[in-house]
């Protein structure tokens, strides 16, 4: 999310960069929706919970806390690679660095720790990058970002307050909002 902020407030061709970033946040929602549909239809337990794999659980991680979690696809990979696609369209150099960072510090540790299978990690970026690429097609990007620019011009304080809250929720994969919704509805979380 730091790259988003840096690119958003950078001088230069700011309107074009901002259009890429806004369109890509919308694409992140589409990518997460596709991931949730896949998670509900393709049920695969995480490798930590498959005794036949004899996964050695690292110190500090309890396998029981991961029970019930679906492994396919990686939500983190879908969302963050989707957002990185918008960064890539706004700035190639920053985008490439972001893709490398995500691979090294988001995807590979999840693979190493047994949270995901290799196909979960590969499908996540595929979904996220596809959604980000589609959202950055000129006509779609214009449609997705037009309302945001009108809101920014009319009420910048309101826009930036919402953007701050949204960036926090995106960084947490909406977990705080989901927990609040489950508390209000009196339901247990669906994983």
N, C-alpha and C. Protein backbone atom coordinates (compact mmCIF):
# COMPACT_ATOMS: atom_id res chain seq x y z
N UNK A 1 0.82 -1.19 0.00
CA UNK A 1 0.00 0.00 0.00
C UNK A 1 0.87 1.26 0.00
N UNK A 2 2.13 1.13 0.43
CA UNK A 2 3.02 2.29 0.40
C UNK A 2 3.27 2.74 -1.03
N UNK A 3 3.41 1.77 -1.93
CA UNK A 3 3.63 2.12 -3.34
C UNK A 3 2.44 2.89 -3.89
N UNK A 4 1.24 2.53 -3.47
CA UNK A 4 0.05 3.24 -3.92
C UNK A 4 0.12 4.70 -3.49
N UNK A 5 0.42 4.91 -2.22
CA UNK A 5 0.50 6.28 -1.71
C UNK A 5 1.59 7.09 -2.39
N UNK A 6 2.73 6.48 -2.59
CA UNK A 6 3.85 7.18 -3.23
C UNK A 6 3.49 7.56 -4.67
N UNK A 7 2.92 6.62 -5.41
CA UNK A 7 2.54 6.91 -6.79
C UNK A 7 1.39 7.91 -6.86
N UNK A 8 0.47 7.85 -5.91
CA UNK A 8 -0.69 8.74 -5.92
C UNK A 8 -0.26 10.20 -5.77
N UNK A 9 0.69 10.44 -4.88
CA UNK A 9 1.08 11.82 -4.58
C UNK A 9 2.32 12.28 -5.35
N UNK A 10 2.80 11.49 -6.26
CA UNK A 10 3.97 11.83 -7.06
C UNK A 10 3.61 12.90 -8.10
N UNK A 11 4.57 13.77 -8.37
CA UNK A 11 4.36 14.80 -9.40
C UNK A 11 4.45 14.16 -10.78
N UNK A 12 4.08 14.92 -11.78
CA UNK A 12 4.18 14.42 -13.16
C UNK A 12 2.80 14.09 -13.71
N UNK A 13 2.73 13.03 -14.50
CA UNK A 13 1.47 12.60 -15.12
C UNK A 13 0.62 11.90 -14.08
N UNK A 14 0.18 12.67 -13.12
CA UNK A 14 -0.50 12.11 -11.96
C UNK A 14 -1.89 11.56 -12.29
N UNK A 15 -2.61 12.20 -13.18
CA UNK A 15 -3.98 11.77 -13.50
C UNK A 15 -3.97 10.37 -14.12
N UNK A 16 -3.03 10.09 -15.03
CA UNK A 16 -2.93 8.78 -15.66
C UNK A 16 -2.59 7.72 -14.62
N UNK A 17 -1.64 8.01 -13.74
CA UNK A 17 -1.26 7.06 -12.70
C UNK A 17 -2.41 6.80 -11.74
N UNK A 18 -3.07 7.87 -11.36
CA UNK A 18 -4.19 7.72 -10.43
C UNK A 18 -5.32 6.89 -11.05
N UNK A 19 -5.54 7.07 -12.33
CA UNK A 19 -6.57 6.29 -13.02
C UNK A 19 -6.24 4.79 -12.94
N UNK A 20 -4.98 4.45 -13.16
CA UNK A 20 -4.56 3.05 -13.06
C UNK A 20 -4.79 2.50 -11.66
N UNK A 21 -4.44 3.29 -10.65
CA UNK A 21 -4.56 2.83 -9.27
C UNK A 21 -6.01 2.66 -8.84
N UNK A 22 -6.87 3.61 -9.19
CA UNK A 22 -8.29 3.51 -8.83
C UNK A 22 -8.94 2.33 -9.53
N UNK A 23 -8.67 2.18 -10.82
CA UNK A 23 -9.25 1.06 -11.56
C UNK A 23 -8.80 -0.27 -10.98
N UNK A 24 -7.58 -0.31 -10.51
CA UNK A 24 -7.07 -1.56 -10.01
C UNK A 24 -7.62 -1.93 -8.64
N UNK A 25 -7.96 -0.95 -7.83
CA UNK A 25 -8.61 -1.26 -6.56
C UNK A 25 -9.96 -1.92 -6.84
N UNK A 26 -10.68 -1.40 -7.82
CA UNK A 26 -11.95 -2.02 -8.22
C UNK A 26 -11.71 -3.44 -8.72
N UNK A 27 -10.63 -3.64 -9.46
CA UNK A 27 -10.29 -4.97 -9.96
C UNK A 27 -9.95 -5.91 -8.82
N UNK A 28 -9.37 -5.37 -7.75
CA UNK A 28 -9.06 -6.21 -6.59
C UNK A 28 -10.31 -6.84 -6.00
N UNK A 29 -11.41 -6.07 -6.00
CA UNK A 29 -12.68 -6.61 -5.50
C UNK A 29 -13.19 -7.73 -6.42
N UNK A 30 -13.06 -7.52 -7.71
CA UNK A 30 -13.48 -8.56 -8.66
C UNK A 30 -12.63 -9.81 -8.48
N UNK A 31 -11.32 -9.64 -8.37
CA UNK A 31 -10.43 -10.79 -8.16
C UNK A 31 -10.76 -11.54 -6.88
N UNK A 32 -11.03 -10.80 -5.80
CA UNK A 32 -11.39 -11.46 -4.54
C UNK A 32 -12.73 -12.19 -4.66
N UNK A 33 -13.67 -11.62 -5.40
CA UNK A 33 -14.96 -12.30 -5.60
C UNK A 33 -14.76 -13.61 -6.35
N UNK A 34 -13.94 -13.59 -7.39
CA UNK A 34 -13.63 -14.83 -8.13
C UNK A 34 -12.95 -15.83 -7.22
N UNK A 35 -12.02 -15.36 -6.40
CA UNK A 35 -11.31 -16.25 -5.47
C UNK A 35 -12.27 -16.87 -4.46
N UNK A 36 -13.22 -16.08 -3.96
CA UNK A 36 -14.17 -16.61 -2.98
C UNK A 36 -15.08 -17.66 -3.62
N UNK A 37 -15.51 -17.41 -4.86
CA UNK A 37 -16.34 -18.41 -5.56
C UNK A 37 -15.54 -19.70 -5.73
N UNK A 38 -14.30 -19.59 -6.14
CA UNK A 38 -13.45 -20.78 -6.28
C UNK A 38 -13.23 -21.47 -4.94
N UNK A 39 -13.02 -20.69 -3.88
CA UNK A 39 -12.80 -21.28 -2.56
C UNK A 39 -14.03 -22.04 -2.06
N UNK A 40 -15.20 -21.58 -2.44
CA UNK A 40 -16.42 -22.26 -2.02
C UNK A 40 -16.76 -23.46 -2.88
N UNK A 41 -16.23 -23.51 -4.10
CA UNK A 41 -16.55 -24.63 -5.00
C UNK A 41 -15.44 -25.67 -5.09
N UNK A 42 -14.20 -25.25 -4.99
CA UNK A 42 -13.06 -26.17 -5.06
C UNK A 42 -12.50 -26.29 -3.65
N UNK A 43 -12.98 -27.25 -2.91
CA UNK A 43 -12.58 -27.39 -1.51
C UNK A 43 -11.30 -28.22 -1.42
N UNK A 44 -10.27 -27.58 -0.89
CA UNK A 44 -8.99 -28.26 -0.67
C UNK A 44 -8.43 -27.78 0.66
N UNK A 45 -8.29 -28.69 1.63
CA UNK A 45 -7.74 -28.26 2.93
C UNK A 45 -6.28 -27.85 2.79
N UNK A 46 -5.88 -26.97 3.66
CA UNK A 46 -4.49 -26.54 3.63
C UNK A 46 -3.60 -27.70 4.02
N UNK A 47 -2.40 -27.72 3.46
CA UNK A 47 -1.51 -28.87 3.65
C UNK A 47 -1.12 -29.07 5.11
N UNK A 48 -1.25 -28.05 5.94
CA UNK A 48 -0.99 -28.22 7.37
C UNK A 48 -1.95 -29.22 7.99
N UNK A 49 -3.13 -29.34 7.41
CA UNK A 49 -4.19 -30.18 7.97
C UNK A 49 -4.36 -31.51 7.24
N UNK A 50 -3.39 -31.89 6.40
CA UNK A 50 -3.45 -33.17 5.70
C UNK A 50 -2.38 -34.08 6.30
N UNK A 51 -2.79 -35.04 7.15
CA UNK A 51 -1.80 -35.88 7.84
C UNK A 51 -0.92 -36.68 6.90
N UNK A 52 -1.46 -37.07 5.73
CA UNK A 52 -0.68 -37.89 4.80
C UNK A 52 0.54 -37.15 4.26
N UNK A 53 0.50 -35.84 4.26
CA UNK A 53 1.63 -35.06 3.75
C UNK A 53 2.75 -34.93 4.77
N UNK A 54 2.44 -35.25 6.01
CA UNK A 54 3.42 -35.16 7.11
C UNK A 54 4.13 -33.81 7.10
N UNK A 55 3.37 -32.76 6.98
CA UNK A 55 3.92 -31.41 7.01
C UNK A 55 4.43 -31.12 8.41
N UNK A 56 5.65 -30.69 8.48
CA UNK A 56 6.23 -30.33 9.77
C UNK A 56 5.84 -28.89 10.05
N UNK A 57 5.09 -28.72 11.08
CA UNK A 57 4.56 -27.40 11.41
C UNK A 57 5.64 -26.60 12.12
N UNK A 58 5.96 -25.41 11.60
CA UNK A 58 6.98 -24.57 12.23
C UNK A 58 6.57 -24.15 13.63
N UNK A 59 7.55 -23.88 14.44
CA UNK A 59 7.32 -23.44 15.81
C UNK A 59 6.49 -22.16 15.81
N UNK A 60 5.48 -22.12 16.65
CA UNK A 60 4.65 -20.94 16.78
C UNK A 60 3.37 -20.98 15.96
N UNK A 61 3.22 -22.00 15.11
CA UNK A 61 2.01 -22.11 14.31
C UNK A 61 1.26 -23.35 14.76
N UNK A 62 -0.01 -23.19 15.05
CA UNK A 62 -0.83 -24.32 15.46
C UNK A 62 -1.68 -24.77 14.28
N UNK A 63 -1.58 -26.04 13.93
CA UNK A 63 -2.36 -26.56 12.80
C UNK A 63 -3.85 -26.46 13.06
N UNK A 64 -4.26 -26.60 14.30
CA UNK A 64 -5.69 -26.55 14.62
C UNK A 64 -6.29 -25.19 14.30
N UNK A 65 -5.47 -24.13 14.38
CA UNK A 65 -6.00 -22.80 14.09
C UNK A 65 -6.28 -22.62 12.60
N UNK A 66 -5.77 -23.53 11.76
CA UNK A 66 -5.99 -23.44 10.32
C UNK A 66 -7.07 -24.40 9.85
N UNK A 67 -7.66 -25.19 10.75
CA UNK A 67 -8.69 -26.13 10.34
C UNK A 67 -9.88 -25.39 9.76
N UNK A 68 -10.42 -25.95 8.68
CA UNK A 68 -11.57 -25.36 8.04
C UNK A 68 -11.23 -24.32 6.98
N UNK A 69 -9.97 -23.92 6.92
CA UNK A 69 -9.56 -22.95 5.91
C UNK A 69 -9.37 -23.65 4.58
N UNK A 70 -9.87 -23.04 3.54
CA UNK A 70 -9.70 -23.57 2.19
C UNK A 70 -8.40 -23.03 1.62
N UNK A 71 -7.72 -23.85 0.87
CA UNK A 71 -6.40 -23.51 0.38
C UNK A 71 -6.41 -22.87 -1.00
N UNK A 72 -7.40 -23.17 -1.82
CA UNK A 72 -7.37 -22.77 -3.22
C UNK A 72 -8.37 -21.67 -3.51
N UNK A 73 -7.99 -20.62 -4.16
CA UNK A 73 -6.66 -20.07 -4.40
C UNK A 73 -6.22 -19.21 -3.23
N UNK A 74 -5.00 -18.74 -3.27
CA UNK A 74 -4.49 -17.88 -2.21
C UNK A 74 -5.11 -16.49 -2.32
N UNK A 75 -5.90 -16.11 -1.30
CA UNK A 75 -6.53 -14.78 -1.29
C UNK A 75 -5.48 -13.68 -1.32
N UNK A 76 -4.40 -13.89 -0.55
CA UNK A 76 -3.34 -12.89 -0.51
C UNK A 76 -2.73 -12.68 -1.90
N UNK A 77 -2.46 -13.77 -2.58
CA UNK A 77 -1.85 -13.66 -3.91
C UNK A 77 -2.81 -12.99 -4.89
N UNK A 78 -4.09 -13.33 -4.82
CA UNK A 78 -5.08 -12.72 -5.72
C UNK A 78 -5.11 -11.21 -5.50
N UNK A 79 -5.32 -10.80 -4.27
CA UNK A 79 -5.47 -9.37 -4.00
C UNK A 79 -4.19 -8.60 -4.26
N UNK A 80 -3.09 -9.06 -3.70
CA UNK A 80 -1.88 -8.26 -3.79
C UNK A 80 -1.26 -8.25 -5.19
N UNK A 81 -1.36 -9.34 -5.92
CA UNK A 81 -0.88 -9.31 -7.30
C UNK A 81 -1.81 -8.49 -8.18
N UNK A 82 -3.10 -8.50 -7.86
CA UNK A 82 -4.02 -7.65 -8.59
C UNK A 82 -3.70 -6.18 -8.37
N UNK A 83 -3.44 -5.79 -7.11
CA UNK A 83 -3.09 -4.41 -6.83
C UNK A 83 -1.73 -4.05 -7.43
N UNK A 84 -0.81 -5.00 -7.44
CA UNK A 84 0.51 -4.75 -8.03
C UNK A 84 0.41 -4.52 -9.54
N UNK A 85 -0.60 -5.08 -10.16
CA UNK A 85 -0.80 -4.86 -11.60
C UNK A 85 -1.10 -3.39 -11.87
N UNK A 86 -1.92 -2.77 -11.03
CA UNK A 86 -2.19 -1.34 -11.17
C UNK A 86 -0.94 -0.52 -10.94
N UNK A 87 -0.13 -0.94 -9.98
CA UNK A 87 1.14 -0.26 -9.75
C UNK A 87 2.03 -0.39 -10.99
N UNK A 88 2.03 -1.57 -11.60
CA UNK A 88 2.83 -1.80 -12.80
C UNK A 88 2.38 -0.90 -13.95
N UNK A 89 1.06 -0.74 -14.12
CA UNK A 89 0.56 0.13 -15.18
C UNK A 89 0.88 1.60 -14.89
N UNK A 90 0.93 1.98 -13.61
CA UNK A 90 1.25 3.36 -13.26
C UNK A 90 2.75 3.63 -13.38
N UNK A 91 3.58 2.65 -13.00
CA UNK A 91 5.03 2.80 -13.06
C UNK A 91 5.65 1.42 -13.23
N UNK A 92 6.23 1.18 -14.38
CA UNK A 92 6.80 -0.15 -14.68
C UNK A 92 7.87 -0.54 -13.66
N UNK A 93 8.76 0.38 -13.35
CA UNK A 93 9.87 0.07 -12.44
C UNK A 93 9.36 -0.30 -11.04
N UNK A 94 8.46 0.49 -10.50
CA UNK A 94 7.91 0.19 -9.18
C UNK A 94 7.08 -1.09 -9.23
N UNK A 95 6.37 -1.31 -10.33
CA UNK A 95 5.56 -2.51 -10.49
C UNK A 95 6.39 -3.78 -10.49
N UNK A 96 7.49 -3.77 -11.22
CA UNK A 96 8.37 -4.96 -11.25
C UNK A 96 8.92 -5.23 -9.86
N UNK A 97 9.36 -4.19 -9.17
CA UNK A 97 9.85 -4.37 -7.80
C UNK A 97 8.76 -4.94 -6.90
N UNK A 98 7.54 -4.45 -7.07
CA UNK A 98 6.41 -4.92 -6.25
C UNK A 98 6.12 -6.40 -6.53
N UNK A 99 6.16 -6.81 -7.80
CA UNK A 99 5.95 -8.22 -8.13
C UNK A 99 7.02 -9.10 -7.49
N UNK A 100 8.27 -8.66 -7.55
CA UNK A 100 9.37 -9.43 -6.94
C UNK A 100 9.18 -9.51 -5.43
N UNK A 101 8.84 -8.40 -4.81
CA UNK A 101 8.61 -8.36 -3.37
C UNK A 101 7.48 -9.32 -2.97
N UNK A 102 6.38 -9.28 -3.70
CA UNK A 102 5.24 -10.14 -3.38
C UNK A 102 5.59 -11.62 -3.52
N UNK A 103 6.35 -11.94 -4.54
CA UNK A 103 6.76 -13.33 -4.73
C UNK A 103 7.64 -13.79 -3.58
N UNK A 104 8.61 -12.96 -3.20
CA UNK A 104 9.57 -13.35 -2.16
C UNK A 104 8.99 -13.32 -0.75
N UNK A 105 8.14 -12.34 -0.45
CA UNK A 105 7.72 -12.15 0.94
C UNK A 105 6.26 -12.49 1.23
N UNK A 106 5.46 -12.72 0.21
CA UNK A 106 4.07 -13.12 0.43
C UNK A 106 3.85 -14.56 -0.02
N UNK A 107 4.23 -14.88 -1.23
CA UNK A 107 3.92 -16.20 -1.80
C UNK A 107 4.84 -17.31 -1.31
N UNK A 108 6.14 -17.12 -1.42
CA UNK A 108 7.06 -18.20 -1.05
C UNK A 108 6.97 -18.61 0.42
N UNK A 109 6.84 -17.68 1.37
CA UNK A 109 6.66 -18.12 2.76
C UNK A 109 5.39 -18.95 2.98
N UNK A 110 4.31 -18.61 2.30
CA UNK A 110 3.07 -19.38 2.44
C UNK A 110 3.24 -20.78 1.87
N UNK A 111 4.03 -20.89 0.84
CA UNK A 111 4.33 -22.19 0.26
C UNK A 111 5.23 -22.99 1.20
N UNK A 112 6.27 -22.36 1.71
CA UNK A 112 7.23 -23.01 2.60
C UNK A 112 6.56 -23.48 3.89
N UNK A 113 5.68 -22.66 4.45
CA UNK A 113 5.03 -23.00 5.71
C UNK A 113 3.92 -24.02 5.56
N UNK A 114 3.56 -24.35 4.32
CA UNK A 114 2.51 -25.34 4.10
C UNK A 114 1.11 -24.78 4.17
N UNK A 115 0.99 -23.47 4.11
CA UNK A 115 -0.33 -22.85 4.13
C UNK A 115 -1.02 -23.05 2.79
N UNK A 116 -0.23 -23.08 1.72
CA UNK A 116 -0.77 -23.26 0.37
C UNK A 116 0.05 -24.28 -0.40
N UNK A 117 -0.60 -24.87 -1.39
CA UNK A 117 0.06 -25.73 -2.37
C UNK A 117 0.61 -24.84 -3.50
N UNK A 118 1.54 -25.36 -4.30
CA UNK A 118 2.06 -24.55 -5.41
C UNK A 118 0.96 -24.07 -6.37
N UNK A 119 -0.03 -24.89 -6.64
CA UNK A 119 -1.09 -24.47 -7.56
C UNK A 119 -1.94 -23.34 -6.97
N UNK A 120 -2.08 -23.29 -5.65
CA UNK A 120 -2.79 -22.19 -5.00
C UNK A 120 -2.05 -20.88 -5.22
N UNK A 121 -0.73 -20.95 -5.08
CA UNK A 121 0.10 -19.77 -5.24
C UNK A 121 0.13 -19.33 -6.70
N UNK A 122 0.17 -20.28 -7.63
CA UNK A 122 0.20 -19.92 -9.06
C UNK A 122 -1.14 -19.39 -9.54
N UNK A 123 -2.23 -19.94 -9.04
CA UNK A 123 -3.55 -19.48 -9.50
C UNK A 123 -3.90 -18.11 -8.94
N UNK A 124 -3.44 -17.81 -7.74
CA UNK A 124 -3.73 -16.50 -7.14
C UNK A 124 -3.23 -15.34 -7.99
N UNK A 125 -1.93 -15.31 -8.32
CA UNK A 125 -1.46 -14.22 -9.18
C UNK A 125 -2.12 -14.22 -10.56
N UNK A 126 -2.42 -15.38 -11.08
CA UNK A 126 -3.07 -15.45 -12.39
C UNK A 126 -4.43 -14.73 -12.36
N UNK A 127 -5.20 -15.00 -11.32
CA UNK A 127 -6.52 -14.34 -11.18
C UNK A 127 -6.34 -12.84 -10.93
N UNK A 128 -5.45 -12.49 -10.01
CA UNK A 128 -5.24 -11.08 -9.67
C UNK A 128 -4.72 -10.26 -10.83
N UNK A 129 -3.70 -10.78 -11.52
CA UNK A 129 -3.12 -10.05 -12.65
C UNK A 129 -4.14 -9.94 -13.79
N UNK A 130 -4.91 -10.99 -14.01
CA UNK A 130 -5.94 -10.93 -15.06
C UNK A 130 -6.97 -9.85 -14.77
N UNK A 131 -7.43 -9.80 -13.53
CA UNK A 131 -8.41 -8.77 -13.14
C UNK A 131 -7.80 -7.38 -13.26
N UNK A 132 -6.55 -7.23 -12.84
CA UNK A 132 -5.88 -5.93 -12.93
C UNK A 132 -5.65 -5.50 -14.37
N UNK A 133 -5.27 -6.44 -15.21
CA UNK A 133 -5.05 -6.13 -16.62
C UNK A 133 -6.36 -5.71 -17.28
N UNK A 134 -7.42 -6.45 -16.99
CA UNK A 134 -8.72 -6.12 -17.57
C UNK A 134 -9.20 -4.74 -17.10
N UNK A 135 -9.01 -4.43 -15.83
CA UNK A 135 -9.45 -3.14 -15.30
C UNK A 135 -8.67 -1.98 -15.89
N UNK A 136 -7.47 -2.23 -16.37
CA UNK A 136 -6.66 -1.16 -16.93
C UNK A 136 -6.78 -1.02 -18.44
N UNK A 137 -7.73 -1.70 -19.04
CA UNK A 137 -8.04 -1.42 -20.44
C UNK A 137 -8.61 -0.01 -20.47
N UNK A 138 -8.25 0.82 -21.45
CA UNK A 138 -8.61 2.24 -21.41
C UNK A 138 -10.08 2.55 -21.13
N UNK A 139 -11.00 1.92 -21.82
CA UNK A 139 -12.42 2.22 -21.62
C UNK A 139 -12.89 1.80 -20.22
N UNK A 140 -12.42 0.65 -19.77
CA UNK A 140 -12.83 0.17 -18.44
C UNK A 140 -12.21 1.03 -17.36
N UNK A 141 -10.93 1.38 -17.50
CA UNK A 141 -10.26 2.23 -16.50
C UNK A 141 -10.94 3.59 -16.40
N UNK A 142 -11.34 4.15 -17.52
CA UNK A 142 -12.04 5.44 -17.51
C UNK A 142 -13.37 5.32 -16.78
N UNK A 143 -14.11 4.25 -17.06
CA UNK A 143 -15.40 4.02 -16.41
C UNK A 143 -15.23 3.84 -14.90
N UNK A 144 -14.23 3.06 -14.50
CA UNK A 144 -14.03 2.76 -13.08
C UNK A 144 -13.49 3.94 -12.28
N UNK A 145 -12.74 4.82 -12.91
CA UNK A 145 -12.10 5.90 -12.17
C UNK A 145 -12.84 7.23 -12.26
N UNK A 146 -13.76 7.38 -13.17
CA UNK A 146 -14.45 8.65 -13.37
C UNK A 146 -15.16 9.11 -12.11
N UNK A 147 -15.91 8.23 -11.48
CA UNK A 147 -16.66 8.59 -10.27
C UNK A 147 -15.72 9.00 -9.14
N UNK A 148 -14.55 8.31 -9.04
CA UNK A 148 -13.60 8.61 -7.97
C UNK A 148 -13.02 10.02 -8.14
N UNK A 149 -12.73 10.40 -9.37
CA UNK A 149 -12.19 11.74 -9.60
C UNK A 149 -13.23 12.82 -9.34
N UNK A 150 -14.47 12.55 -9.67
CA UNK A 150 -15.53 13.52 -9.36
C UNK A 150 -15.67 13.68 -7.85
N UNK A 151 -15.59 12.56 -7.12
CA UNK A 151 -15.68 12.60 -5.66
C UNK A 151 -14.48 13.34 -5.08
N UNK A 152 -13.29 13.06 -5.60
CA UNK A 152 -12.07 13.73 -5.13
C UNK A 152 -12.15 15.23 -5.35
N UNK A 153 -12.64 15.65 -6.51
CA UNK A 153 -12.74 17.08 -6.81
C UNK A 153 -13.80 17.76 -5.94
N UNK A 154 -14.91 17.09 -5.68
CA UNK A 154 -16.01 17.68 -4.93
C UNK A 154 -15.76 17.70 -3.42
N UNK A 155 -15.25 16.59 -2.90
CA UNK A 155 -15.06 16.47 -1.45
C UNK A 155 -13.76 15.73 -1.13
N UNK A 156 -12.64 16.42 -1.22
CA UNK A 156 -11.35 15.74 -1.03
C UNK A 156 -11.17 15.15 0.37
N UNK A 157 -11.65 15.83 1.40
CA UNK A 157 -11.51 15.29 2.76
C UNK A 157 -12.25 13.97 2.93
N UNK A 158 -13.45 13.92 2.42
CA UNK A 158 -14.24 12.70 2.48
C UNK A 158 -13.58 11.58 1.67
N UNK A 159 -13.10 11.94 0.49
CA UNK A 159 -12.45 10.95 -0.38
C UNK A 159 -11.22 10.35 0.30
N UNK A 160 -10.36 11.21 0.86
CA UNK A 160 -9.12 10.70 1.47
C UNK A 160 -9.39 9.94 2.77
N UNK A 161 -10.44 10.31 3.50
CA UNK A 161 -10.81 9.53 4.69
C UNK A 161 -11.23 8.12 4.30
N UNK A 162 -12.05 8.04 3.26
CA UNK A 162 -12.48 6.73 2.77
C UNK A 162 -11.29 5.94 2.22
N UNK A 163 -10.40 6.62 1.49
CA UNK A 163 -9.22 5.95 0.92
C UNK A 163 -8.33 5.39 2.02
N UNK A 164 -8.19 6.12 3.12
CA UNK A 164 -7.38 5.63 4.24
C UNK A 164 -8.00 4.37 4.84
N UNK A 165 -9.30 4.41 5.09
CA UNK A 165 -9.99 3.24 5.64
C UNK A 165 -9.91 2.05 4.68
N UNK A 166 -10.11 2.30 3.40
CA UNK A 166 -10.04 1.23 2.41
C UNK A 166 -8.64 0.63 2.33
N UNK A 167 -7.61 1.47 2.38
CA UNK A 167 -6.24 0.94 2.31
C UNK A 167 -5.94 0.08 3.53
N UNK A 168 -6.45 0.47 4.70
CA UNK A 168 -6.27 -0.36 5.89
C UNK A 168 -6.97 -1.70 5.72
N UNK A 169 -8.22 -1.68 5.27
CA UNK A 169 -8.97 -2.93 5.10
C UNK A 169 -8.34 -3.82 4.02
N UNK A 170 -7.85 -3.23 2.95
CA UNK A 170 -7.17 -4.01 1.92
C UNK A 170 -5.92 -4.69 2.47
N UNK A 171 -5.16 -3.96 3.29
CA UNK A 171 -3.94 -4.54 3.84
C UNK A 171 -4.24 -5.69 4.80
N UNK A 172 -5.42 -5.69 5.37
CA UNK A 172 -5.83 -6.75 6.30
C UNK A 172 -6.78 -7.76 5.65
N UNK A 173 -6.92 -7.70 4.32
CA UNK A 173 -7.84 -8.56 3.57
C UNK A 173 -9.26 -8.51 4.14
N UNK A 174 -9.67 -7.33 4.58
CA UNK A 174 -11.02 -7.06 5.09
C UNK A 174 -11.36 -7.85 6.35
N UNK A 175 -10.36 -8.42 7.01
CA UNK A 175 -10.62 -9.23 8.21
C UNK A 175 -11.34 -8.44 9.31
N UNK A 176 -10.96 -7.19 9.63
CA UNK A 176 -11.70 -6.46 10.66
C UNK A 176 -13.17 -6.27 10.31
N UNK A 177 -13.46 -5.94 9.06
CA UNK A 177 -14.86 -5.75 8.64
C UNK A 177 -15.63 -7.06 8.70
N UNK A 178 -14.99 -8.15 8.32
CA UNK A 178 -15.64 -9.46 8.36
C UNK A 178 -15.93 -9.86 9.80
N UNK A 179 -14.98 -9.61 10.70
CA UNK A 179 -15.20 -9.93 12.12
C UNK A 179 -16.34 -9.11 12.72
N UNK A 180 -16.40 -7.85 12.37
CA UNK A 180 -17.49 -7.00 12.86
C UNK A 180 -18.83 -7.50 12.32
N UNK A 181 -18.87 -7.83 11.05
CA UNK A 181 -20.12 -8.33 10.45
C UNK A 181 -20.55 -9.63 11.12
N UNK A 182 -19.61 -10.54 11.38
CA UNK A 182 -19.96 -11.79 12.05
C UNK A 182 -20.44 -11.55 13.47
N UNK A 183 -19.84 -10.59 14.16
CA UNK A 183 -20.27 -10.27 15.52
C UNK A 183 -21.69 -9.72 15.50
N UNK A 184 -21.94 -8.79 14.59
CA UNK A 184 -23.27 -8.18 14.50
C UNK A 184 -24.32 -9.21 14.13
N UNK A 185 -23.99 -10.10 13.19
CA UNK A 185 -24.94 -11.12 12.75
C UNK A 185 -25.00 -12.33 13.69
N UNK A 186 -24.04 -12.41 14.63
CA UNK A 186 -24.02 -13.54 15.56
C UNK A 186 -23.64 -14.85 14.90
N UNK A 187 -22.81 -14.79 13.87
CA UNK A 187 -22.40 -16.01 13.15
C UNK A 187 -20.92 -16.26 13.34
N UNK A 188 -20.55 -17.51 13.13
CA UNK A 188 -19.13 -17.86 13.15
C UNK A 188 -18.53 -17.56 11.79
N UNK A 189 -17.27 -17.19 11.73
CA UNK A 189 -16.66 -16.85 10.45
C UNK A 189 -16.63 -18.04 9.48
N UNK A 190 -16.90 -17.73 8.23
CA UNK A 190 -16.80 -18.73 7.16
C UNK A 190 -15.44 -18.56 6.53
N UNK A 191 -14.69 -19.65 6.43
CA UNK A 191 -13.32 -19.52 5.90
C UNK A 191 -13.28 -20.07 4.55
